[in-house]
C-alpha cells in the first residue's frame, strides 16, 4: 500500500485544499499529517511547539509521515517543514510527490498573519521568505511533479494534478 500522491510545499501553497480536491477527483481518501498529529496528540501544533519544542514536534512528524507513507493509500499532504528531515526525503523518493510551488506574494495572501502557524508567529513576511528560500530546493529534490499555484484556483490546480497522476 502506498499513497496515490504525496503533496508537499510551503505554508500557503494549498497542500490541504488542493490535496483534498485531488483525492475527490481520484475517488480516494485524503489525509493531512498535521491533522493526524493534532488528533493523536490531542492538542494543536502551536501548543506542541511551545510546550515541547520544535525538535519534539519534528520527531512526531517524522514518525507520522513514515507510518502514513506505509499504511495510507489516498492523497497525503505533509506539513511545510516535513522535507527538512533527510529521513523523510529518503522515504519520499519511493513515492509520487507533487510539489505545489508558490511565490511569496501569493503565500502571504493565503496564510495571512500566520494564525495557527508557529513558525510564522513573528514577522510573517520575513519568516515566510526565509522558509521559502530554505525549503524550495528540498521540495524540488523530492518532487515527481511540480505544479505552480500562483494566481490559480484550487480546482484548476487539482484538475492538473489529477491529470498528471492518471497519465
C-alpha atoms as a PDB file:
ATOM      1  CA  UNK A   1       0.000   0.000   0.000  1.00  0.00           C
ATOM      2  CA  UNK A   2       1.236   3.489  -0.819  1.00  0.00           C
ATOM      3  CA  UNK A   3      -0.322   6.917  -1.195  1.00  0.00           C
ATOM      4  CA  UNK A   4      -1.735   7.768  -4.615  1.00  0.00           C
ATOM      5  CA  UNK A   5       0.237  11.004  -4.230  1.00  0.00           C
ATOM      6  CA  UNK A   6       2.051  12.958  -1.553  1.00  0.00           C
ATOM      7  CA  UNK A   7       1.613  16.742  -1.631  1.00  0.00           C
ATOM      8  CA  UNK A   8       4.414  18.997  -0.383  1.00  0.00           C
ATOM      9  CA  UNK A   9       5.008  22.729  -0.398  1.00  0.00           C
ATOM     10  CA  UNK A  10       5.439  25.841   1.677  1.00  0.00           C
ATOM     11  CA  UNK A  11       2.834  27.300   4.001  1.00  0.00           C
ATOM     12  CA  UNK A  12       0.161  28.836   1.795  1.00  0.00           C
ATOM     13  CA  UNK A  13       0.853  26.587  -1.194  1.00  0.00           C
ATOM     14  CA  UNK A  14      -2.558  24.923  -0.807  1.00  0.00           C
ATOM     15  CA  UNK A  15      -1.487  21.438   0.236  1.00  0.00           C
ATOM     16  CA  UNK A  16      -4.630  20.647   2.227  1.00  0.00           C
ATOM     17  CA  UNK A  17      -7.139  22.418  -0.009  1.00  0.00           C
ATOM     18  CA  UNK A  18      -5.707  21.109  -3.270  1.00  0.00           C
ATOM     19  CA  UNK A  19      -4.890  17.691  -1.823  1.00  0.00           C
ATOM     20  CA  UNK A  20      -8.470  17.199  -0.730  1.00  0.00           C
ATOM     21  CA  UNK A  21      -9.733  18.224  -4.178  1.00  0.00           C
ATOM     22  CA  UNK A  22      -7.292  15.846  -5.908  1.00  0.00           C
ATOM     23  CA  UNK A  23      -8.424  12.988  -3.659  1.00  0.00           C
ATOM     24  CA  UNK A  24     -12.057  13.699  -4.567  1.00  0.00           C
ATOM     25  CA  UNK A  25     -11.223  13.682  -8.284  1.00  0.00           C
ATOM     26  CA  UNK A  26      -9.366  10.372  -7.928  1.00  0.00           C
ATOM     27  CA  UNK A  27     -12.006   8.824  -5.657  1.00  0.00           C
ATOM     28  CA  UNK A  28      -9.522   8.107  -2.861  1.00  0.00           C
ATOM     29  CA  UNK A  29      -9.283   9.271   0.760  1.00  0.00           C
ATOM     30  CA  UNK A  30      -7.387  12.383   1.830  1.00  0.00           C
ATOM     31  CA  UNK A  31      -5.211  12.816   4.906  1.00  0.00           C
ATOM     32  CA  UNK A  32      -3.056  15.632   6.226  1.00  0.00           C
ATOM     33  CA  UNK A  33      -0.194  14.630   8.512  1.00  0.00           C
ATOM     34  CA  UNK A  34      -0.621  17.813  10.576  1.00  0.00           C
ATOM     35  CA  UNK A  35      -4.259  16.861  11.237  1.00  0.00           C
ATOM     36  CA  UNK A  36      -3.200  13.315  12.156  1.00  0.00           C
ATOM     37  CA  UNK A  37      -0.684  14.723  14.640  1.00  0.00           C
ATOM     38  CA  UNK A  38      -3.257  17.057  16.201  1.00  0.00           C
ATOM     39  CA  UNK A  39      -5.744  14.191  16.581  1.00  0.00           C
ATOM     40  CA  UNK A  40      -3.172  11.854  18.139  1.00  0.00           C
ATOM     41  CA  UNK A  41      -1.573  14.412  20.412  1.00  0.00           C
ATOM     42  CA  UNK A  42      -4.881  15.948  21.458  1.00  0.00           C
ATOM     43  CA  UNK A  43      -3.537  19.478  21.086  1.00  0.00           C
ATOM     44  CA  UNK A  44      -2.801  21.977  18.331  1.00  0.00           C
ATOM     45  CA  UNK A  45       0.621  22.061  16.693  1.00  0.00           C
ATOM     46  CA  UNK A  46       1.457  25.529  18.105  1.00  0.00           C
ATOM     47  CA  UNK A  47       0.978  24.045  21.594  1.00  0.00           C
ATOM     48  CA  UNK A  48       3.380  21.201  20.778  1.00  0.00           C
ATOM     49  CA  UNK A  49       5.954  23.769  19.600  1.00  0.00           C
ATOM     50  CA  UNK A  50       5.549  25.882  22.744  1.00  0.00           C
ATOM     51  CA  UNK A  51       5.293  23.042  25.279  1.00  0.00           C
ATOM     52  CA  UNK A  52       7.772  20.548  23.836  1.00  0.00           C
ATOM     53  CA  UNK A  53       9.821  22.443  21.253  1.00  0.00           C
ATOM     54  CA  UNK A  54      10.277  22.143  17.515  1.00  0.00           C
ATOM     55  CA  UNK A  55      12.591  19.114  17.800  1.00  0.00           C
ATOM     56  CA  UNK A  56       9.901  17.129  19.625  1.00  0.00           C
ATOM     57  CA  UNK A  57       7.317  18.139  17.033  1.00  0.00           C
ATOM     58  CA  UNK A  58       9.623  17.140  14.178  1.00  0.00           C
ATOM     59  CA  UNK A  59      10.187  13.702  15.748  1.00  0.00           C
ATOM     60  CA  UNK A  60       6.421  13.161  15.977  1.00  0.00           C
ATOM     61  CA  UNK A  61       6.071  14.417  12.406  1.00  0.00           C
ATOM     62  CA  UNK A  62       8.756  12.046  11.046  1.00  0.00           C
ATOM     63  CA  UNK A  63       7.109   9.033  12.710  1.00  0.00           C
ATOM     64  CA  UNK A  64       3.644  10.049  11.493  1.00  0.00           C
ATOM     65  CA  UNK A  65       4.878  10.505   7.926  1.00  0.00           C
ATOM     66  CA  UNK A  66       6.738   7.183   7.884  1.00  0.00           C
ATOM     67  CA  UNK A  67       3.616   5.377   9.104  1.00  0.00           C
ATOM     68  CA  UNK A  68       1.345   7.201   6.659  1.00  0.00           C
ATOM     69  CA  UNK A  69       3.631   6.503   3.700  1.00  0.00           C
ATOM     70  CA  UNK A  70       3.495   2.827   4.628  1.00  0.00           C
ATOM     71  CA  UNK A  71      -0.213   2.475   5.500  1.00  0.00           C
ATOM     72  CA  UNK A  72      -2.245   5.143   3.661  1.00  0.00           C
ATOM     73  CA  UNK A  73      -3.442   4.731   0.079  1.00  0.00           C
ATOM     74  CA  UNK A  74      -5.026   8.098  -0.705  1.00  0.00           C
ATOM     75  CA  UNK A  75      -3.678  11.603  -1.224  1.00  0.00           C
ATOM     76  CA  UNK A  76      -1.424  12.620   1.662  1.00  0.00           C
ATOM     77  CA  UNK A  77      -0.500  16.240   2.444  1.00  0.00           C
ATOM     78  CA  UNK A  78       2.626  16.872   4.503  1.00  0.00           C
ATOM     79  CA  UNK A  79       3.378  19.840   6.717  1.00  0.00           C
ATOM     80  CA  UNK A  80       5.520  22.531   5.141  1.00  0.00           C
ATOM     81  CA  UNK A  81       8.628  21.653   7.149  1.00  0.00           C
ATOM     82  CA  UNK A  82       8.464  17.899   6.661  1.00  0.00           C
ATOM     83  CA  UNK A  83      11.108  17.995   3.920  1.00  0.00           C
ATOM     84  CA  UNK A  84      13.691  19.311   6.374  1.00  0.00           C
ATOM     85  CA  UNK A  85      14.197  15.729   7.552  1.00  0.00           C
ATOM     86  CA  UNK A  86      16.641  13.749   5.447  1.00  0.00           C
ATOM     87  CA  UNK A  87      14.908  10.556   6.626  1.00  0.00           C
ATOM     88  CA  UNK A  88      11.605  11.846   5.272  1.00  0.00           C
ATOM     89  CA  UNK A  89      13.186  12.948   1.982  1.00  0.00           C
ATOM     90  CA  UNK A  90      14.663   9.463   1.596  1.00  0.00           C
ATOM     91  CA  UNK A  91      11.267   7.846   2.170  1.00  0.00           C
ATOM     92  CA  UNK A  92       9.628  10.212  -0.324  1.00  0.00           C
ATOM     93  CA  UNK A  93      11.913   9.006  -3.126  1.00  0.00           C
ATOM     94  CA  UNK A  94       9.792   5.839  -3.240  1.00  0.00           C
ATOM     95  CA  UNK A  95       6.541   7.775  -3.830  1.00  0.00           C
ATOM     96  CA  UNK A  96       4.798  10.056  -6.303  1.00  0.00           C
ATOM     97  CA  UNK A  97       5.327  13.520  -4.844  1.00  0.00           C
ATOM     98  CA  UNK A  98       3.591  16.667  -6.071  1.00  0.00           C
ATOM     99  CA  UNK A  99       5.322  19.901  -5.115  1.00  0.00           C
ATOM    100  CA  UNK A 100       2.924  22.848  -5.023  1.00  0.00           C
ATOM    101  CA  UNK A 101       5.128  25.809  -5.839  1.00  0.00           C
ATOM    102  CA  UNK A 102       4.087  29.212  -4.502  1.00  0.00           C
ATOM    103  CA  UNK A 103       5.821  32.575  -4.501  1.00  0.00           C
ATOM    104  CA  UNK A 104       5.958  34.899  -1.507  1.00  0.00           C
ATOM    105  CA  UNK A 105       3.156  37.262  -2.574  1.00  0.00           C
ATOM    106  CA  UNK A 106       0.568  34.521  -3.038  1.00  0.00           C
ATOM    107  CA  UNK A 107       1.738  32.603   0.041  1.00  0.00           C
ATOM    108  CA  UNK A 108       1.301  35.718   2.196  1.00  0.00           C
ATOM    109  CA  UNK A 109      -2.215  36.307   0.844  1.00  0.00           C
ATOM    110  CA  UNK A 110      -3.131  32.736   1.769  1.00  0.00           C
ATOM    111  CA  UNK A 111      -1.579  32.476   5.237  1.00  0.00           C
ATOM    112  CA  UNK A 112      -2.441  35.983   6.406  1.00  0.00           C
ATOM    113  CA  UNK A 113      -0.668  36.799   9.634  1.00  0.00           C
ATOM    114  CA  UNK A 114       0.228  33.175  10.308  1.00  0.00           C
ATOM    115  CA  UNK A 115      -2.504  32.321  12.822  1.00  0.00           C
ATOM    116  CA  UNK A 116      -2.006  28.728  13.950  1.00  0.00           C
ATOM    117  CA  UNK A 117       1.374  28.522  12.196  1.00  0.00           C
ATOM    118  CA  UNK A 118       4.022  28.578  14.918  1.00  0.00           C
ATOM    119  CA  UNK A 119       6.962  29.411  12.667  1.00  0.00           C
ATOM    120  CA  UNK A 120       5.117  32.439  11.269  1.00  0.00           C
ATOM    121  CA  UNK A 121       4.146  33.941  14.626  1.00  0.00           C
ATOM    122  CA  UNK A 122       6.838  36.627  14.460  1.00  0.00           C
ATOM    123  CA  UNK A 123       7.233  38.780  11.323  1.00  0.00           C
ATOM    124  CA  UNK A 124       5.315  36.518   8.927  1.00  0.00           C
ATOM    125  CA  UNK A 125       6.626  38.165   5.739  1.00  0.00           C
ATOM    126  CA  UNK A 126      10.341  37.864   6.575  1.00  0.00           C
ATOM    127  CA  UNK A 127       9.905  34.417   8.090  1.00  0.00           C
ATOM    128  CA  UNK A 128       7.921  33.091   5.135  1.00  0.00           C
ATOM    129  CA  UNK A 129      10.509  34.475   2.695  1.00  0.00           C
ATOM    130  CA  UNK A 130      13.245  32.709   4.675  1.00  0.00           C
ATOM    131  CA  UNK A 131      11.272  29.445   4.755  1.00  0.00           C
ATOM    132  CA  UNK A 132      10.626  29.597   1.004  1.00  0.00           C
ATOM    133  CA  UNK A 133      14.297  30.238   0.251  1.00  0.00           C
ATOM    134  CA  UNK A 134      15.441  27.492   2.624  1.00  0.00           C
ATOM    135  CA  UNK A 135      12.955  24.804   1.622  1.00  0.00           C
ATOM    136  CA  UNK A 136      12.395  25.360  -2.122  1.00  0.00           C
ATOM    137  CA  UNK A 137      15.425  23.200  -3.122  1.00  0.00           C
ATOM    138  CA  UNK A 138      14.241  20.421  -0.782  1.00  0.00           C
ATOM    139  CA  UNK A 139      10.732  20.414  -2.255  1.00  0.00           C
ATOM    140  CA  UNK A 140      12.229  20.256  -5.742  1.00  0.00           C
ATOM    141  CA  UNK A 141      14.543  17.425  -4.663  1.00  0.00           C
ATOM    142  CA  UNK A 142      11.661  15.133  -3.682  1.00  0.00           C
ATOM    143  CA  UNK A 143       9.212  16.190  -6.410  1.00  0.00           C
ATOM    144  CA  UNK A 144       7.974  13.865  -9.090  1.00  0.00           C
ATOM    145  CA  UNK A 145       5.815  16.727 -10.418  1.00  0.00           C
ATOM    146  CA  UNK A 146       5.993  20.475  -9.735  1.00  0.00           C
ATOM    147  CA  UNK A 147       2.794  22.490 -10.121  1.00  0.00           C
ATOM    148  CA  UNK A 148       2.754  26.287  -9.931  1.00  0.00           C
ATOM    149  CA  UNK A 149      -0.144  27.569  -7.819  1.00  0.00           C
ATOM    150  CA  UNK A 150       0.267  31.349  -8.037  1.00  0.00           C
ATOM    151  CA  UNK A 151      -2.844  33.169  -9.209  1.00  0.00           C
ATOM    152  CA  UNK A 152      -4.763  29.920  -9.713  1.00  0.00           C
ATOM    153  CA  UNK A 153      -7.918  28.445  -8.227  1.00  0.00           C
ATOM    154  CA  UNK A 154      -7.635  25.212  -6.197  1.00  0.00           C
ATOM    155  CA  UNK A 155      -9.982  23.300  -8.514  1.00  0.00           C
ATOM    156  CA  UNK A 156      -7.845  24.142 -11.561  1.00  0.00           C
ATOM    157  CA  UNK A 157      -4.678  23.046  -9.751  1.00  0.00           C
ATOM    158  CA  UNK A 158      -6.370  19.828  -8.599  1.00  0.00           C
ATOM    159  CA  UNK A 159      -7.542  19.030 -12.147  1.00  0.00           C
ATOM    160  CA  UNK A 160      -3.976  19.485 -13.448  1.00  0.00           C
ATOM    161  CA  UNK A 161      -2.592  17.194 -10.744  1.00  0.00           C
ATOM    162  CA  UNK A 162      -5.261  14.530 -11.276  1.00  0.00           C
ATOM    163  CA  UNK A 163      -4.421  14.529 -14.998  1.00  0.00           C
ATOM    164  CA  UNK A 164      -0.697  14.197 -14.221  1.00  0.00           C
ATOM    165  CA  UNK A 165      -1.366  11.282 -11.861  1.00  0.00           C
ATOM    166  CA  UNK A 166      -3.576   9.484 -14.366  1.00  0.00           C
ATOM    167  CA  UNK A 167      -1.050   9.782 -17.216  1.00  0.00           C
END
